Amino acid sequence: MSRQRLREIRSGFQPAFWAANFTEIFERVAYYATIAVLGIYLNEQLHFSTELTSWILGTFGLVVWFLPILGGTLADRFGFRRALMFAYLVMTAGYFLLGSLSATWMAPVRHALGDEWLVLAVLMIPALGPGVVKPCVAGTTALASSENVRSIGYSIYYTLVNIGGALGPIIAFLVRKQLGWGMEAVFRVASCSVFLMFWVTLLFYREPVRSGREPVASVAQAFQNMVVVLGNFRFVAFLLIVSGFYIVFWQQYISAPLFMRNFINSKADVDLLLSVDPAMIILFQIVITYLTRRMQPVRAIALGFLVAGLAWIGLAVRPSVPMVAVAFAILALGEMMYAARFYEYVSRLAPSGQQGVYMGYAFLPVAIGYFIAGILGGHLLHYFGVVLKRPQEMWWVVMGVGIVSAASMWAYDAFVRPPASTVPLSAANGPSAQRLPATL
């Protein structure tokens, strides 16, 4: 790298870029630490059934990943700084309440609502936060980065997100097992993590300059945009197929932890194993992107779906804790093949002038897949594990979803191609299109 390029990188980012991305690490740590133990906590400590646990996890994920569609509009209207501070305070309260479910002062509320409805209500509070944080941090990355270093800015953002995703489960393991504080302490640590980010935002974040931006849409306009976008049959069909990938992907956070603890090893360190996926992405994303660079986007996407589906074959044949780690590693390979090309393809499906709107709704399959994954995972755990007493056979069904999704994507490419007049990829490189990059 030349000295000139290094100087461009050093001077190409406003302080808001570093402040926002720093807070995103800790927001991801809090989120992934929470979901690393949440299913086990509900199932083992609150004694929820596997079906109820999975449904609650799926509902939580639906809210988390649907809200970025509207969260960006709210952030634009009220300003990134205020939106970030609001989101971090909301998450602070939500994670704290989640870590206080067994406290004596919560007993009257638990008695009035019942554990199931109380947990669901409490979970909806921290679920509101990521839907605002994501568009704020991604939008800051676009606005606080010079044009000549913006791609590097998103690479930094993507890397930091995955660092947070890898550290979250590790911190959950350390808090829960090494320090012996228990699972509820993980939620309280998550609360402290995002509360500190409120103060970082207050003290160090300054609103980036927004010169030349398009007028901010209202919430009503955001809903109108949803109707317009979902009226595009080609785009809707594509999103529904992609939802199949996320039905497979989210099993690592929904059914796999319950499967391990109930049918393999009741003392398995599930939270530690959940750091495998983001660690793989940090280490190998650039390599996988390079190796698949010449593939057509839809073929790379379909191949990613197929790899993700086949990742579970080891658990179907010979379930063990090491095999779970192998499954997570292979699943990460499928994710890396798919993720980068997915948003490229979405940009090609978008009509001219609507790339930003379409990129926002690219989060829909993440939300839909999470919700269905919760329902499906709980049903499979109960049917194959409790009714048939052959729990490992559930993974053949999960594999089938991945294979069908891959086949559907290939069929989509053959019969529902984008028209030749679709905008070139370069048209999606404006600020609005970059508000929501390809990352979880």
Foldseek 3Di string as FASTA:
>chain_A
DDPVVVVCVVPFFDLQLVLLLVLLLLLLLLVLLCLLCVLVCCCPVVVDALLLSLLLQLVLQLLLLVLLLLLLLVCVVPDLLVLLLVLLVQLLQLLLVQLCCVPPVCVVVCVVQPPSVVNSVSSSRNSNRNSNSQLSNLLSLLQRGHPVCSVVSVVSSQLSSLSSNLNNLVVSCCCCPVVVPHNSVSSNVSSVSSNVSSVSSVPRHDGGDDPPDDDRDDSVVSVVLVVVVCVPVLLVLVLVLVLLLLLLVCCLSRQVVVCCCPPENVPDSSSNLSSLLSVLCSVPLVVLCVVCVPPQLLLLLLVLLLQLLCLLVCLLVPNYPVSSSSSSNSNSSSCSSNQQSVLLVQLQQDAQPCLLSSLSCSSNSNSSSSSVSSNLSSVLCCCCCPVVVNSSNSSVVSSVSSNVSSVSSVVCCVPVNRDPPGDHSVSLPHSSSSSRGRHD
